[in-house]
Amino acid sequence: MIVDSVATQLNILENMLKQLGYQTLHKAKNVKEATEAIAKQSDIGLIICEWDLPEKTGLDFFHILQSNEKLKNIPFILSFKAKQKEDILHASESGITSLIMKPYKLDTLKQKMLKLSSQHSQENSASNSADDNLEALMNKIAGNLKADE
């Protein structure tokens, strides 16, 4: 999903994502459109959202996602303009882990996508590993309980 208040920016970013082999399923011009699209679709694998949106900021949108258990793990890239350096500090203090500066550069976007993909895979692997370890421990305990009977 791409969220940007400027239609030209939406199209530029969509074209860059296509060049990198990604398909954009959803585009939104504000937080309201984005949240409505997410409510209708469950297949959103990444969100690139600009900071400077009308009504609510991209950071506000990030916080909305973080407050929802089903949505908080969607990889999120916050885009900003160079003049918003104070906002960058605020965003990083708020939990944003991936930022990209406008105007977008294809190589930078590719690096951000690869880094996020890697982080997301590691988080899922760690989560699955923890689940597997817990299940193994529970099976061992259950086996020990049966042996004691």
N, C-alpha and C. Protein backbone atom coordinates (compact mmCIF):
# COMPACT_ATOMS: atom_id res chain seq x y z
N MET A 1 0.85 -1.17 0.00
CA MET A 1 0.00 0.00 0.00
C MET A 1 0.90 1.24 0.00
N ILE A 2 0.50 2.20 -0.81
CA ILE A 2 1.18 3.49 -0.85
C ILE A 2 0.20 4.55 -0.36
N VAL A 3 0.65 5.39 0.55
CA VAL A 3 -0.19 6.48 1.05
C VAL A 3 0.56 7.78 0.83
N ASP A 4 0.03 8.62 -0.04
CA ASP A 4 0.64 9.93 -0.32
C ASP A 4 -0.46 10.86 -0.79
N SER A 5 -0.42 12.10 -0.33
CA SER A 5 -1.48 13.05 -0.66
C SER A 5 -1.37 13.61 -2.07
N VAL A 6 -0.24 13.38 -2.73
CA VAL A 6 -0.03 13.91 -4.08
C VAL A 6 -0.10 12.76 -5.08
N ALA A 7 -1.04 12.86 -6.01
CA ALA A 7 -1.26 11.79 -7.00
C ALA A 7 0.00 11.48 -7.80
N THR A 8 0.76 12.50 -8.17
CA THR A 8 2.00 12.29 -8.92
C THR A 8 2.98 11.44 -8.13
N GLN A 9 3.10 11.71 -6.82
CA GLN A 9 3.99 10.92 -5.98
C GLN A 9 3.53 9.47 -5.88
N LEU A 10 2.21 9.27 -5.79
CA LEU A 10 1.67 7.90 -5.77
C LEU A 10 2.10 7.15 -7.02
N ASN A 11 1.97 7.82 -8.18
CA ASN A 11 2.31 7.17 -9.45
C ASN A 11 3.81 6.92 -9.58
N ILE A 12 4.62 7.89 -9.16
CA ILE A 12 6.08 7.71 -9.21
C ILE A 12 6.50 6.51 -8.36
N LEU A 13 5.99 6.47 -7.15
CA LEU A 13 6.36 5.37 -6.25
C LEU A 13 5.84 4.03 -6.76
N GLU A 14 4.63 4.03 -7.30
CA GLU A 14 4.09 2.79 -7.85
C GLU A 14 4.96 2.29 -9.00
N ASN A 15 5.40 3.18 -9.88
CA ASN A 15 6.27 2.79 -10.99
C ASN A 15 7.61 2.26 -10.50
N MET A 16 8.16 2.89 -9.47
CA MET A 16 9.43 2.40 -8.91
C MET A 16 9.26 1.00 -8.32
N LEU A 17 8.16 0.80 -7.61
CA LEU A 17 7.91 -0.52 -7.04
C LEU A 17 7.77 -1.57 -8.13
N LYS A 18 7.11 -1.22 -9.22
CA LYS A 18 6.98 -2.16 -10.35
C LYS A 18 8.35 -2.51 -10.92
N GLN A 19 9.24 -1.49 -11.02
CA GLN A 19 10.60 -1.75 -11.52
C GLN A 19 11.35 -2.72 -10.61
N LEU A 20 11.00 -2.70 -9.33
CA LEU A 20 11.65 -3.60 -8.37
C LEU A 20 10.94 -4.95 -8.27
N GLY A 21 9.86 -5.13 -9.05
CA GLY A 21 9.17 -6.40 -9.06
C GLY A 21 8.01 -6.52 -8.10
N TYR A 22 7.59 -5.41 -7.52
CA TYR A 22 6.47 -5.43 -6.57
C TYR A 22 5.20 -4.93 -7.24
N GLN A 23 4.09 -5.41 -6.75
CA GLN A 23 2.79 -4.99 -7.26
C GLN A 23 2.09 -4.15 -6.19
N THR A 24 1.61 -2.98 -6.61
CA THR A 24 0.88 -2.13 -5.68
C THR A 24 -0.59 -2.46 -5.79
N LEU A 25 -1.17 -2.94 -4.70
CA LEU A 25 -2.57 -3.31 -4.70
C LEU A 25 -3.47 -2.18 -4.25
N HIS A 26 -2.92 -1.28 -3.42
CA HIS A 26 -3.74 -0.22 -2.86
C HIS A 26 -2.97 1.09 -2.86
N LYS A 27 -3.70 2.17 -3.19
CA LYS A 27 -3.15 3.51 -3.08
C LYS A 27 -4.17 4.35 -2.32
N ALA A 28 -3.68 5.24 -1.47
CA ALA A 28 -4.56 6.11 -0.70
C ALA A 28 -3.94 7.49 -0.61
N LYS A 29 -4.81 8.50 -0.50
CA LYS A 29 -4.34 9.89 -0.42
C LYS A 29 -4.35 10.44 1.00
N ASN A 30 -4.89 9.67 1.95
CA ASN A 30 -4.92 10.12 3.34
C ASN A 30 -5.12 8.91 4.26
N VAL A 31 -5.07 9.16 5.55
CA VAL A 31 -5.18 8.08 6.53
C VAL A 31 -6.55 7.43 6.49
N LYS A 32 -7.58 8.22 6.27
CA LYS A 32 -8.94 7.66 6.23
C LYS A 32 -9.07 6.65 5.09
N GLU A 33 -8.62 7.02 3.89
CA GLU A 33 -8.67 6.09 2.75
C GLU A 33 -7.84 4.84 3.03
N ALA A 34 -6.68 5.03 3.64
CA ALA A 34 -5.80 3.90 3.93
C ALA A 34 -6.43 2.94 4.93
N THR A 35 -7.02 3.47 5.99
CA THR A 35 -7.64 2.59 6.99
C THR A 35 -8.86 1.88 6.42
N GLU A 36 -9.61 2.56 5.54
CA GLU A 36 -10.75 1.91 4.89
C GLU A 36 -10.29 0.77 3.99
N ALA A 37 -9.20 0.98 3.26
CA ALA A 37 -8.66 -0.07 2.38
C ALA A 37 -8.18 -1.26 3.20
N ILE A 38 -7.52 -0.99 4.32
CA ILE A 38 -7.03 -2.08 5.17
C ILE A 38 -8.19 -2.86 5.76
N ALA A 39 -9.27 -2.17 6.10
CA ALA A 39 -10.43 -2.85 6.67
C ALA A 39 -11.06 -3.81 5.67
N LYS A 40 -10.94 -3.50 4.37
CA LYS A 40 -11.54 -4.33 3.32
C LYS A 40 -10.60 -5.44 2.85
N GLN A 41 -9.30 -5.26 3.03
CA GLN A 41 -8.32 -6.21 2.51
C GLN A 41 -7.42 -6.72 3.62
N SER A 42 -7.06 -7.97 3.55
CA SER A 42 -6.17 -8.53 4.56
C SER A 42 -4.81 -8.90 3.98
N ASP A 43 -4.59 -8.56 2.70
CA ASP A 43 -3.37 -9.00 2.03
C ASP A 43 -2.32 -7.90 1.89
N ILE A 44 -2.30 -6.95 2.79
CA ILE A 44 -1.34 -5.86 2.69
C ILE A 44 -0.03 -6.30 3.33
N GLY A 45 1.02 -6.34 2.52
CA GLY A 45 2.30 -6.84 2.98
C GLY A 45 3.31 -5.75 3.30
N LEU A 46 3.02 -4.51 2.91
CA LEU A 46 3.94 -3.41 3.13
C LEU A 46 3.17 -2.10 2.97
N ILE A 47 3.55 -1.12 3.77
CA ILE A 47 2.96 0.21 3.64
C ILE A 47 4.10 1.22 3.52
N ILE A 48 4.04 2.05 2.48
CA ILE A 48 4.92 3.19 2.34
C ILE A 48 4.03 4.42 2.46
N CYS A 49 4.28 5.22 3.47
CA CYS A 49 3.38 6.32 3.80
C CYS A 49 4.16 7.60 4.00
N GLU A 50 3.68 8.68 3.41
CA GLU A 50 4.34 9.96 3.62
C GLU A 50 3.98 10.54 4.98
N TRP A 51 4.87 11.34 5.51
CA TRP A 51 4.64 11.98 6.81
C TRP A 51 3.54 13.01 6.70
N ASP A 52 3.65 13.87 5.70
CA ASP A 52 2.84 15.08 5.62
C ASP A 52 1.51 14.84 4.89
N LEU A 53 0.60 14.18 5.58
CA LEU A 53 -0.73 13.91 5.02
C LEU A 53 -1.74 14.91 5.58
N PRO A 54 -2.83 15.14 4.84
CA PRO A 54 -3.86 16.03 5.40
C PRO A 54 -4.59 15.35 6.57
N GLU A 55 -5.04 16.12 7.49
CA GLU A 55 -5.80 15.70 8.67
C GLU A 55 -4.96 14.94 9.70
N LYS A 56 -4.42 13.79 9.34
CA LYS A 56 -3.56 13.01 10.24
C LYS A 56 -2.25 12.76 9.52
N THR A 57 -1.16 12.67 10.28
CA THR A 57 0.16 12.44 9.68
C THR A 57 0.39 10.96 9.43
N GLY A 58 1.46 10.68 8.69
CA GLY A 58 1.87 9.30 8.50
C GLY A 58 2.22 8.63 9.82
N LEU A 59 2.76 9.42 10.74
CA LEU A 59 3.08 8.88 12.06
C LEU A 59 1.80 8.52 12.82
N ASP A 60 0.75 9.33 12.67
CA ASP A 60 -0.55 9.00 13.27
C ASP A 60 -1.04 7.65 12.72
N PHE A 61 -0.89 7.46 11.42
CA PHE A 61 -1.31 6.21 10.78
C PHE A 61 -0.52 5.04 11.34
N PHE A 62 0.79 5.22 11.50
CA PHE A 62 1.63 4.18 12.09
C PHE A 62 1.11 3.80 13.48
N HIS A 63 0.76 4.79 14.29
CA HIS A 63 0.25 4.52 15.63
C HIS A 63 -1.09 3.79 15.59
N ILE A 64 -1.93 4.11 14.63
CA ILE A 64 -3.20 3.39 14.47
C ILE A 64 -2.92 1.91 14.20
N LEU A 65 -1.97 1.65 13.32
CA LEU A 65 -1.61 0.26 12.99
C LEU A 65 -1.03 -0.45 14.21
N GLN A 66 -0.16 0.24 14.94
CA GLN A 66 0.49 -0.36 16.10
C GLN A 66 -0.48 -0.71 17.21
N SER A 67 -1.61 -0.03 17.25
CA SER A 67 -2.59 -0.29 18.31
C SER A 67 -3.48 -1.49 17.99
N ASN A 68 -3.32 -2.08 16.80
CA ASN A 68 -4.15 -3.19 16.37
C ASN A 68 -3.28 -4.45 16.24
N GLU A 69 -3.59 -5.47 17.01
CA GLU A 69 -2.79 -6.71 17.00
C GLU A 69 -2.65 -7.32 15.61
N LYS A 70 -3.70 -7.24 14.79
CA LYS A 70 -3.67 -7.84 13.46
C LYS A 70 -2.82 -7.04 12.47
N LEU A 71 -2.64 -5.75 12.74
CA LEU A 71 -1.99 -4.86 11.77
C LEU A 71 -0.61 -4.38 12.19
N LYS A 72 -0.25 -4.57 13.43
CA LYS A 72 0.97 -3.95 13.93
C LYS A 72 2.25 -4.52 13.34
N ASN A 73 2.20 -5.67 12.72
CA ASN A 73 3.40 -6.28 12.15
C ASN A 73 3.57 -6.03 10.66
N ILE A 74 2.69 -5.22 10.07
CA ILE A 74 2.85 -4.89 8.66
C ILE A 74 4.09 -3.99 8.53
N PRO A 75 5.05 -4.38 7.69
CA PRO A 75 6.22 -3.52 7.50
C PRO A 75 5.79 -2.12 7.04
N PHE A 76 6.43 -1.09 7.60
CA PHE A 76 6.00 0.30 7.39
C PHE A 76 7.22 1.18 7.11
N ILE A 77 7.18 1.89 6.00
CA ILE A 77 8.22 2.86 5.65
C ILE A 77 7.57 4.24 5.66
N LEU A 78 8.16 5.15 6.41
CA LEU A 78 7.66 6.51 6.48
C LEU A 78 8.53 7.39 5.59
N SER A 79 7.89 8.10 4.65
CA SER A 79 8.64 8.99 3.76
C SER A 79 8.49 10.43 4.24
N PHE A 80 9.52 11.21 3.96
CA PHE A 80 9.54 12.59 4.43
C PHE A 80 10.36 13.45 3.48
N LYS A 81 10.19 14.76 3.62
CA LYS A 81 10.98 15.73 2.85
C LYS A 81 12.18 16.14 3.69
N ALA A 82 13.23 16.54 3.04
CA ALA A 82 14.47 16.90 3.74
C ALA A 82 14.25 17.97 4.81
N LYS A 83 13.31 18.86 4.60
CA LYS A 83 13.09 19.94 5.56
C LYS A 83 12.40 19.47 6.85
N GLN A 84 12.03 18.21 6.93
CA GLN A 84 11.30 17.69 8.08
C GLN A 84 12.22 16.95 9.06
N LYS A 85 13.45 17.42 9.22
CA LYS A 85 14.43 16.69 10.04
C LYS A 85 14.00 16.55 11.50
N GLU A 86 13.32 17.53 12.05
CA GLU A 86 12.83 17.41 13.43
C GLU A 86 11.80 16.29 13.54
N ASP A 87 11.00 16.14 12.49
CA ASP A 87 10.00 15.09 12.47
C ASP A 87 10.65 13.70 12.45
N ILE A 88 11.81 13.60 11.80
CA ILE A 88 12.52 12.33 11.72
C ILE A 88 12.88 11.84 13.11
N LEU A 89 13.41 12.73 13.92
CA LEU A 89 13.77 12.38 15.28
C LEU A 89 12.53 11.92 16.06
N HIS A 90 11.45 12.67 15.91
CA HIS A 90 10.20 12.31 16.58
C HIS A 90 9.72 10.93 16.12
N ALA A 91 9.80 10.68 14.82
CA ALA A 91 9.35 9.39 14.27
C ALA A 91 10.19 8.24 14.82
N SER A 92 11.51 8.42 14.87
CA SER A 92 12.35 7.32 15.35
C SER A 92 12.12 7.08 16.84
N GLU A 93 11.82 8.12 17.59
CA GLU A 93 11.50 7.96 19.01
C GLU A 93 10.16 7.27 19.20
N SER A 94 9.31 7.31 18.17
CA SER A 94 7.97 6.72 18.25
C SER A 94 7.91 5.29 17.75
N GLY A 95 9.05 4.73 17.34
CA GLY A 95 9.07 3.33 16.93
C GLY A 95 9.19 3.09 15.44
N ILE A 96 9.23 4.13 14.62
CA ILE A 96 9.43 3.95 13.19
C ILE A 96 10.85 3.44 12.97
N THR A 97 10.99 2.36 12.25
CA THR A 97 12.32 1.79 12.03
C THR A 97 12.81 1.97 10.59
N SER A 98 11.92 2.42 9.70
CA SER A 98 12.34 2.59 8.31
C SER A 98 11.82 3.92 7.78
N LEU A 99 12.76 4.75 7.35
CA LEU A 99 12.45 6.07 6.81
C LEU A 99 13.06 6.19 5.42
N ILE A 100 12.42 6.95 4.54
CA ILE A 100 12.97 7.22 3.22
C ILE A 100 12.69 8.67 2.88
N MET A 101 13.71 9.33 2.31
CA MET A 101 13.59 10.73 1.98
C MET A 101 13.09 10.93 0.55
N LYS A 102 12.22 11.93 0.39
CA LYS A 102 11.80 12.35 -0.95
C LYS A 102 12.80 13.37 -1.46
N PRO A 103 13.05 13.45 -2.74
CA PRO A 103 12.48 12.61 -3.79
C PRO A 103 13.05 11.20 -3.73
N TYR A 104 12.21 10.24 -4.08
CA TYR A 104 12.60 8.85 -4.01
C TYR A 104 13.70 8.53 -5.02
N LYS A 105 14.62 7.67 -4.60
CA LYS A 105 15.65 7.14 -5.48
C LYS A 105 15.48 5.63 -5.52
N LEU A 106 15.52 5.07 -6.70
CA LEU A 106 15.25 3.65 -6.88
C LEU A 106 16.18 2.77 -6.03
N ASP A 107 17.48 3.08 -6.01
CA ASP A 107 18.42 2.27 -5.23
C ASP A 107 18.12 2.33 -3.74
N THR A 108 17.79 3.51 -3.25
CA THR A 108 17.47 3.66 -1.83
C THR A 108 16.21 2.90 -1.48
N LEU A 109 15.20 3.01 -2.34
CA LEU A 109 13.95 2.29 -2.12
C LEU A 109 14.21 0.78 -2.10
N LYS A 110 15.01 0.31 -3.02
CA LYS A 110 15.34 -1.12 -3.08
C LYS A 110 16.01 -1.57 -1.78
N GLN A 111 16.97 -0.79 -1.30
CA GLN A 111 17.67 -1.13 -0.05
C GLN A 111 16.71 -1.17 1.13
N LYS A 112 15.80 -0.19 1.19
CA LYS A 112 14.83 -0.15 2.29
C LYS A 112 13.91 -1.37 2.24
N MET A 113 13.47 -1.73 1.04
CA MET A 113 12.57 -2.88 0.87
C MET A 113 13.28 -4.18 1.29
N LEU A 114 14.53 -4.33 0.86
CA LEU A 114 15.28 -5.54 1.22
C LEU A 114 15.52 -5.62 2.72
N LYS A 115 15.86 -4.49 3.32
CA LYS A 115 16.11 -4.47 4.77
C LYS A 115 14.84 -4.81 5.54
N LEU A 116 13.72 -4.21 5.13
CA LEU A 116 12.45 -4.50 5.80
C LEU A 116 12.05 -5.95 5.63
N SER A 117 12.24 -6.46 4.42
CA SER A 117 11.90 -7.86 4.15
C SER A 117 12.73 -8.79 5.03
N SER A 118 14.01 -8.48 5.16
CA SER A 118 14.89 -9.28 5.99
C SER A 118 14.48 -9.20 7.46
N GLN A 119 14.19 -7.99 7.95
CA GLN A 119 13.76 -7.82 9.34
C GLN A 119 12.47 -8.58 9.60
N HIS A 120 11.53 -8.49 8.65
CA HIS A 120 10.23 -9.14 8.82
C HIS A 120 10.41 -10.66 8.84
N SER A 121 11.28 -11.18 7.97
CA SER A 121 11.54 -12.62 7.93
C SER A 121 12.17 -13.09 9.24
N GLN A 122 13.11 -12.30 9.76
CA GLN A 122 13.76 -12.66 11.02
C GLN A 122 12.78 -12.64 12.18
N GLU A 123 11.88 -11.64 12.19
CA GLU A 123 10.87 -11.56 13.26
C GLU A 123 9.94 -12.76 13.19
N ASN A 124 9.51 -13.11 11.98
CA ASN A 124 8.63 -14.26 11.82
C ASN A 124 9.35 -15.55 12.19
N SER A 125 10.62 -15.64 11.79
CA SER A 125 11.40 -16.83 12.12
C SER A 125 11.59 -16.94 13.63
N ALA A 126 11.90 -15.83 14.27
CA ALA A 126 12.08 -15.83 15.73
C ALA A 126 10.78 -16.19 16.42
N SER A 127 9.68 -15.66 15.92
CA SER A 127 8.37 -15.95 16.50
C SER A 127 8.03 -17.42 16.31
N ASN A 128 8.26 -17.94 15.09
CA ASN A 128 7.99 -19.35 14.82
C ASN A 128 8.90 -20.24 15.65
N SER A 129 10.17 -19.84 15.78
CA SER A 129 11.12 -20.60 16.57
C SER A 129 10.69 -20.64 18.03
N ALA A 130 10.25 -19.49 18.54
CA ALA A 130 9.78 -19.45 19.93
C ALA A 130 8.55 -20.33 20.10
N ASP A 131 7.65 -20.29 19.12
CA ASP A 131 6.46 -21.14 19.17
C ASP A 131 6.86 -22.62 19.13
N ASP A 132 7.83 -22.95 18.25
CA ASP A 132 8.29 -24.34 18.16
C ASP A 132 8.95 -24.78 19.46
N ASN A 133 9.75 -23.89 20.04
CA ASN A 133 10.41 -24.22 21.31
C ASN A 133 9.39 -24.42 22.42
N LEU A 134 8.38 -23.57 22.47
CA LEU A 134 7.33 -23.70 23.47
C LEU A 134 6.58 -25.01 23.27
N GLU A 135 6.27 -25.32 22.02
CA GLU A 135 5.54 -26.56 21.73
C GLU A 135 6.39 -27.78 22.13
N ALA A 136 7.68 -27.73 21.82
CA ALA A 136 8.57 -28.84 22.19
C ALA A 136 8.64 -29.00 23.71
N LEU A 137 8.73 -27.87 24.40
CA LEU A 137 8.76 -27.92 25.86
C LEU A 137 7.47 -28.49 26.42
N MET A 138 6.35 -28.08 25.86
CA MET A 138 5.05 -28.58 26.33
C MET A 138 4.93 -30.08 26.07
N ASN A 139 5.41 -30.53 24.91
CA ASN A 139 5.39 -31.96 24.61
C ASN A 139 6.28 -32.75 25.56
N LYS A 140 7.43 -32.16 25.89
CA LYS A 140 8.35 -32.83 26.82
C LYS A 140 7.70 -32.93 28.20
N ILE A 141 7.08 -31.85 28.64
CA ILE A 141 6.40 -31.86 29.94
C ILE A 141 5.27 -32.89 29.93
N ALA A 142 4.50 -32.90 28.83
CA ALA A 142 3.40 -33.86 28.72
C ALA A 142 3.94 -35.29 28.74
N GLY A 143 5.08 -35.50 28.05
CA GLY A 143 5.69 -36.83 28.04
C GLY A 143 6.17 -37.23 29.43
N ASN A 144 6.75 -36.30 30.15
CA ASN A 144 7.22 -36.57 31.52
C ASN A 144 6.05 -36.87 32.44
N LEU A 145 4.95 -36.16 32.25
CA LEU A 145 3.76 -36.39 33.07
C LEU A 145 3.22 -37.79 32.84
N LYS A 146 3.21 -38.22 31.56
CA LYS A 146 2.72 -39.56 31.24
C LYS A 146 3.64 -40.62 31.83
N ALA A 147 4.94 -40.37 31.79
CA ALA A 147 5.91 -41.33 32.31
C ALA A 147 5.76 -41.48 33.83
N ASP A 148 5.37 -40.39 34.49
CA ASP A 148 5.19 -40.41 35.95
C ASP A 148 3.92 -41.14 36.36
N GLU A 149 3.00 -41.32 35.45
CA GLU A 149 1.70 -41.94 35.82
C GLU A 149 1.81 -43.38 36.11
